[in-house]
Protein backbone atom coordinates (compact mmCIF):
# COMPACT_ATOMS: atom_id res chain seq x y z
CA MET A 1 67.05 -127.37 173.46
CA GLY A 2 63.27 -127.60 173.54
CA LYS A 3 61.28 -130.04 175.55
CA ALA A 4 59.68 -133.19 174.13
CA PHE A 5 57.00 -132.42 171.55
CA ASP A 6 53.45 -132.49 172.91
CA ILE A 7 50.69 -131.96 170.32
CA THR A 8 48.11 -131.25 173.04
CA LEU A 9 49.97 -128.05 173.94
CA VAL A 10 49.04 -126.56 170.54
CA GLY A 11 45.45 -126.30 171.78
CA THR A 12 46.70 -124.85 175.04
CA PHE A 13 48.66 -122.09 173.35
CA LEU A 14 45.93 -121.18 170.83
CA PRO A 15 43.74 -119.11 173.21
CA LYS A 16 46.80 -117.41 174.67
CA LEU A 17 47.82 -116.24 171.20
CA LEU A 18 44.27 -115.45 170.07
CA ALA A 19 44.02 -112.97 172.95
CA TYR A 20 46.39 -110.75 170.95
CA LEU A 21 44.76 -111.21 167.55
CA HIS A 22 43.00 -107.87 167.88
CA VAL A 23 46.39 -106.12 168.07
CA THR A 24 47.51 -107.75 164.82
CA LEU A 25 44.24 -106.86 163.06
CA PHE A 26 44.41 -103.31 164.44
CA ILE A 27 47.87 -102.85 162.95
CA LEU A 28 46.70 -104.29 159.64
CA LEU A 29 43.55 -102.14 159.46
CA LEU A 30 45.21 -98.81 160.23
CA SER A 31 48.14 -99.62 157.97
CA LEU A 32 45.77 -100.42 155.11
CA ILE A 33 43.87 -97.15 155.58
CA ALA A 34 47.09 -95.17 155.59
CA GLY A 35 48.49 -97.15 152.67
CA ILE A 36 45.36 -96.75 150.53
CA VAL A 37 45.27 -92.97 151.07
CA PHE A 38 48.99 -92.52 150.46
CA GLY A 39 49.10 -95.03 147.61
CA SER A 40 46.18 -93.36 145.84
CA ALA A 41 48.01 -90.03 145.98
CA LEU A 42 51.16 -91.64 144.59
CA ALA A 43 49.17 -93.27 141.78
CA LEU A 44 47.53 -89.97 140.79
CA VAL A 45 50.92 -88.25 140.76
CA ARG A 46 52.26 -90.86 138.36
CA LEU A 47 49.13 -91.12 136.22
CA TYR A 48 49.02 -87.35 135.66
CA LYS A 49 52.83 -87.18 135.37
CA VAL A 50 53.21 -84.31 137.83
CA PRO A 51 56.65 -82.73 137.29
CA VAL A 52 59.31 -83.62 139.88
CA LEU A 53 56.78 -85.42 142.10
CA SER A 54 56.30 -88.13 139.49
CA ARG A 55 60.01 -88.93 139.40
CA ALA A 56 60.22 -88.81 143.21
CA ALA A 57 57.29 -91.25 143.40
CA VAL A 58 59.08 -93.67 141.06
CA VAL A 59 62.21 -93.62 143.24
CA TYR A 60 60.17 -94.02 146.42
CA VAL A 61 58.15 -96.97 145.10
CA SER A 62 61.32 -98.62 143.81
CA PHE A 63 63.02 -98.26 147.21
CA MET A 64 60.05 -99.56 149.21
CA ARG A 65 59.58 -102.53 146.89
CA GLY A 66 63.30 -103.32 146.84
CA THR A 67 64.11 -103.36 150.56
CA PRO A 68 62.92 -105.74 153.31
CA ILE A 69 60.10 -104.56 155.55
CA LEU A 70 62.23 -105.31 158.63
CA ILE A 71 64.87 -102.82 157.49
CA GLN A 72 62.16 -100.26 156.79
CA LEU A 73 60.84 -100.74 160.33
CA PHE A 74 64.26 -99.99 161.80
CA LEU A 75 64.86 -97.03 159.49
CA VAL A 76 61.58 -95.40 160.54
CA TYR A 77 61.85 -96.33 164.22
CA TYR A 78 65.42 -95.15 164.68
CA GLY A 79 65.80 -92.69 161.79
CA LEU A 80 62.62 -90.60 161.96
CA PRO A 81 63.15 -89.42 165.58
CA GLU A 82 66.75 -88.44 164.75
CA LEU A 83 65.59 -86.54 161.67
CA LEU A 84 62.83 -84.66 163.48
CA ARG A 85 65.08 -83.91 166.44
CA VAL A 86 66.94 -81.52 164.13
CA PHE A 87 63.71 -79.50 163.90
CA GLY A 88 63.17 -79.61 167.66
CA ILE A 89 60.51 -82.35 167.59
CA ASP A 90 60.90 -85.02 170.25
CA LEU A 91 59.40 -88.44 169.51
CA SER A 92 61.00 -90.28 172.41
CA ASN A 93 57.65 -90.77 174.15
CA VAL A 94 55.79 -92.02 171.07
CA HIS A 95 54.70 -95.64 171.35
CA ALA A 96 56.43 -98.13 169.06
CA LEU A 97 53.02 -99.11 167.66
CA VAL A 98 52.81 -95.71 165.94
CA PHE A 99 56.09 -96.34 164.11
CA VAL A 100 54.93 -99.81 163.14
CA ILE A 101 51.68 -98.54 161.63
CA LEU A 102 53.49 -95.68 159.90
CA THR A 103 56.06 -98.03 158.37
CA TYR A 104 53.48 -100.53 157.18
CA GLY A 105 51.35 -97.70 155.81
CA LEU A 106 54.28 -96.36 153.78
CA HIS A 107 55.13 -99.88 152.63
CA ILE A 108 51.58 -100.76 151.60
CA GLY A 109 51.19 -97.38 149.91
CA ALA A 110 54.06 -98.12 147.53
CA PHE A 111 52.55 -101.43 146.43
CA PHE A 112 48.99 -100.10 146.34
CA SER A 113 50.01 -97.24 144.06
CA GLU A 114 51.34 -99.70 141.51
CA ILE A 115 48.17 -101.79 141.74
CA VAL A 116 45.99 -98.74 141.11
CA ARG A 117 48.18 -97.33 138.36
CA SER A 118 48.41 -100.59 136.43
CA ALA A 119 44.66 -101.21 136.80
CA VAL A 120 43.72 -97.78 135.48
CA VAL A 121 46.20 -97.96 132.61
CA SER A 122 44.88 -101.38 131.57
CA VAL A 123 41.38 -100.00 130.90
CA ASP A 124 40.93 -99.53 127.17
CA ARG A 125 41.42 -95.89 126.18
CA GLY A 126 38.71 -96.24 123.57
CA GLN A 127 36.10 -96.49 126.30
CA LEU A 128 37.02 -93.06 127.61
CA GLU A 129 36.79 -91.64 124.12
CA ALA A 130 33.34 -93.18 123.72
CA ALA A 131 32.28 -91.62 127.02
CA TYR A 132 33.56 -88.20 125.97
CA SER A 133 31.74 -88.49 122.66
CA ILE A 134 28.35 -88.65 124.40
CA GLY A 135 29.10 -85.63 126.58
CA MET A 136 30.54 -87.14 129.77
CA THR A 137 32.96 -85.00 131.72
CA PRO A 138 36.40 -86.47 132.52
CA ARG A 139 35.33 -86.85 136.15
CA ASP A 140 32.11 -88.70 135.29
CA ALA A 141 33.92 -90.86 132.75
CA PHE A 142 36.52 -91.86 135.33
CA ILE A 143 34.01 -92.62 138.09
CA ARG A 144 31.43 -94.41 135.94
CA ILE A 145 33.57 -96.07 133.26
CA VAL A 146 37.20 -96.42 134.34
CA LEU A 147 36.87 -96.89 138.11
CA PRO A 148 34.47 -99.89 138.10
CA GLN A 149 36.67 -101.77 135.61
CA ALA A 150 39.87 -100.79 137.41
CA LEU A 151 38.45 -102.08 140.70
CA THR A 152 37.68 -105.44 139.11
CA ILE A 153 41.20 -105.65 137.68
CA ALA A 154 42.87 -104.53 140.91
CA MET A 155 40.89 -106.69 143.36
CA PRO A 156 42.99 -109.91 143.07
CA ASN A 157 46.25 -108.01 143.53
CA PHE A 158 44.81 -105.98 146.38
CA GLY A 159 43.70 -109.17 148.10
CA ASN A 160 47.21 -110.58 147.78
CA LEU A 161 48.60 -107.33 149.22
CA VAL A 162 46.31 -107.49 152.26
CA ILE A 163 47.16 -111.12 153.00
CA SER A 164 50.87 -110.46 152.51
CA SER A 165 50.63 -107.44 154.84
CA LEU A 166 48.90 -109.58 157.47
CA LYS A 167 51.87 -111.93 157.47
CA ASP A 168 54.32 -109.00 157.54
CA THR A 169 52.77 -107.74 160.77
CA SER A 170 54.48 -110.67 162.47
CA LEU A 171 57.65 -108.56 162.46
CA ALA A 172 56.10 -105.84 164.64
CA PHE A 173 57.40 -107.62 167.74
CA SER A 174 60.93 -106.64 166.66
CA LEU A 175 60.10 -103.12 167.90
CA GLY A 176 58.59 -104.39 171.12
CA VAL A 177 54.93 -104.41 170.06
CA MET A 178 53.01 -107.13 171.87
CA ASP A 179 50.98 -108.72 169.08
CA MET A 180 50.54 -112.45 168.45
CA SER A 181 54.15 -112.91 167.42
CA GLY A 182 55.35 -110.92 170.42
CA ARG A 183 53.23 -113.08 172.68
CA ALA A 184 54.68 -116.19 171.04
CA GLU A 185 58.16 -114.93 171.91
CA THR A 186 57.24 -114.54 175.57
CA LEU A 187 55.69 -118.01 175.64
CA GLY A 188 59.00 -119.34 174.37
CA THR A 189 60.23 -119.45 177.97
CA THR A 190 58.29 -122.72 178.24
CA ASN A 191 60.75 -124.20 175.71
CA HIS A 192 57.87 -125.69 173.71
CA TYR A 193 58.79 -123.64 170.65
CA LEU A 194 57.41 -126.03 168.06
CA GLU A 195 53.97 -126.19 169.65
CA ILE A 196 53.87 -122.40 170.05
CA TYR A 197 54.68 -121.67 166.43
CA MET A 198 52.39 -124.41 165.20
CA ALA A 199 49.55 -122.69 167.06
CA LEU A 200 50.62 -119.33 165.63
CA ALA A 201 50.72 -120.78 162.12
CA VAL A 202 47.20 -122.16 162.54
CA ILE A 203 45.87 -118.70 163.49
CA TYR A 204 47.61 -116.88 160.64
CA TYR A 205 46.47 -119.52 158.17
CA ALA A 206 42.85 -119.34 159.37
CA VAL A 207 42.78 -115.53 159.12
CA SER A 208 44.44 -115.63 155.68
CA LEU A 209 41.87 -118.15 154.44
CA SER A 210 39.05 -115.96 155.73
CA LEU A 211 40.45 -112.92 153.95
CA GLU A 212 40.94 -114.96 150.79
CA LYS A 213 37.27 -115.99 150.84
CA LEU A 214 36.14 -112.41 151.41
CA PHE A 215 38.17 -111.09 148.50
CA ALA A 216 36.99 -113.90 146.24
CA LEU A 217 33.40 -112.94 147.10
CA ALA A 218 34.12 -109.26 146.44
CA GLU A 219 35.72 -110.12 143.12
CA ARG A 220 32.68 -112.15 142.04
CA ARG A 221 30.37 -109.29 142.97
CA LEU A 222 32.43 -106.83 140.96
CA GLN A 223 32.33 -109.17 137.96
CA ARG A 224 28.63 -109.99 138.18
CA HIS A 225 27.66 -107.50 135.45
CA GLU A 226 30.28 -108.87 133.05
CA ILE A 227 29.15 -112.43 133.75
CA ARG A 228 25.50 -111.50 133.17
CA GLU A 229 26.26 -109.62 129.95
CA SER A 230 28.45 -112.39 128.56
CA THR A 231 25.66 -114.89 129.29
CA GLU A 232 23.08 -112.72 127.54
CA SER A 233 25.21 -111.87 124.51
CA GLY A 234 26.52 -115.41 123.99
CA SER A 235 29.61 -116.23 122.05
CA SER A 236 28.78 -113.83 119.21
CA GLY A 237 29.08 -110.63 121.25
CA THR A 238 32.12 -108.49 120.52
CA GLY A 239 31.13 -105.38 122.39
CA ARG A 240 29.78 -104.34 125.73
CA THR A 241 26.80 -102.19 126.60
CA VAL A 242 27.02 -99.86 129.55
CA LYS A 243 24.02 -98.15 131.06
CA GLY A 244 24.47 -94.71 132.54
CA ARG A 245 22.63 -93.22 135.49
CA ARG A 246 20.26 -91.33 133.22
CA GLY A 247 19.16 -94.46 131.42
CA PHE A 248 21.05 -94.06 128.11
CA ARG A 249 23.07 -96.95 126.71
CA PHE A 250 26.18 -96.93 124.60
CA SER A 251 28.58 -99.57 123.34
CA LEU A 252 32.15 -99.75 124.56
CA THR A 253 34.60 -101.91 122.65
CA ARG A 254 36.73 -104.06 124.93
CA SER A 255 40.43 -104.46 124.38
CA SER A 256 41.45 -107.73 122.80
CA SER A 257 44.03 -108.21 125.50
């Protein structure tokens, strides 16, 4: 049984938990970097339909999206050392934080690959054909036509992924990592559990709100050209004019969807 609730203790526990915020953000940052790199590779494999690898990527993404992150943490933490021990590689001295970041990176990569793939596929194919017709190479067409639009489409989902991953890091303490949630567990010896987790909730909520604002700002910046063009063209415009680096302009028909 916990002790009598004392709201003033929430303020007392806040700085004690904030002292470990950098660990949580460190896990999130490195996991995102790993996930973006790995997820981009998975997306390219599926977009270009690479034989064998494409099917393996589908199975992998399905597994990672269909199993809880906590189970994935245990599978990597306990399973990977056993697997590599067969090849004579000893991971017994590797810090649990490495397994946490690896697991979250693999998890984020699966979701990020689907975000990228769906964003690229949603760009109207006719715009690529228009780019090819004026002499653009596939690489230039992708970087200058497809990628900017795909980023705009993917940004809301990517923001949701980052915020969701921030909350998932709260499970890192299950492997003994001393982040904010791990610190909350140690503070539980005071028996003021409600005050501790109220303070922890306040921190997570504040960081999530900050990330939400940042992604909303990034989304508006990515859409600023569309907003400006729609304002200039008015309600009668049915096309879109894109200006290339060399100063030429050509019209790209937008999908009705």
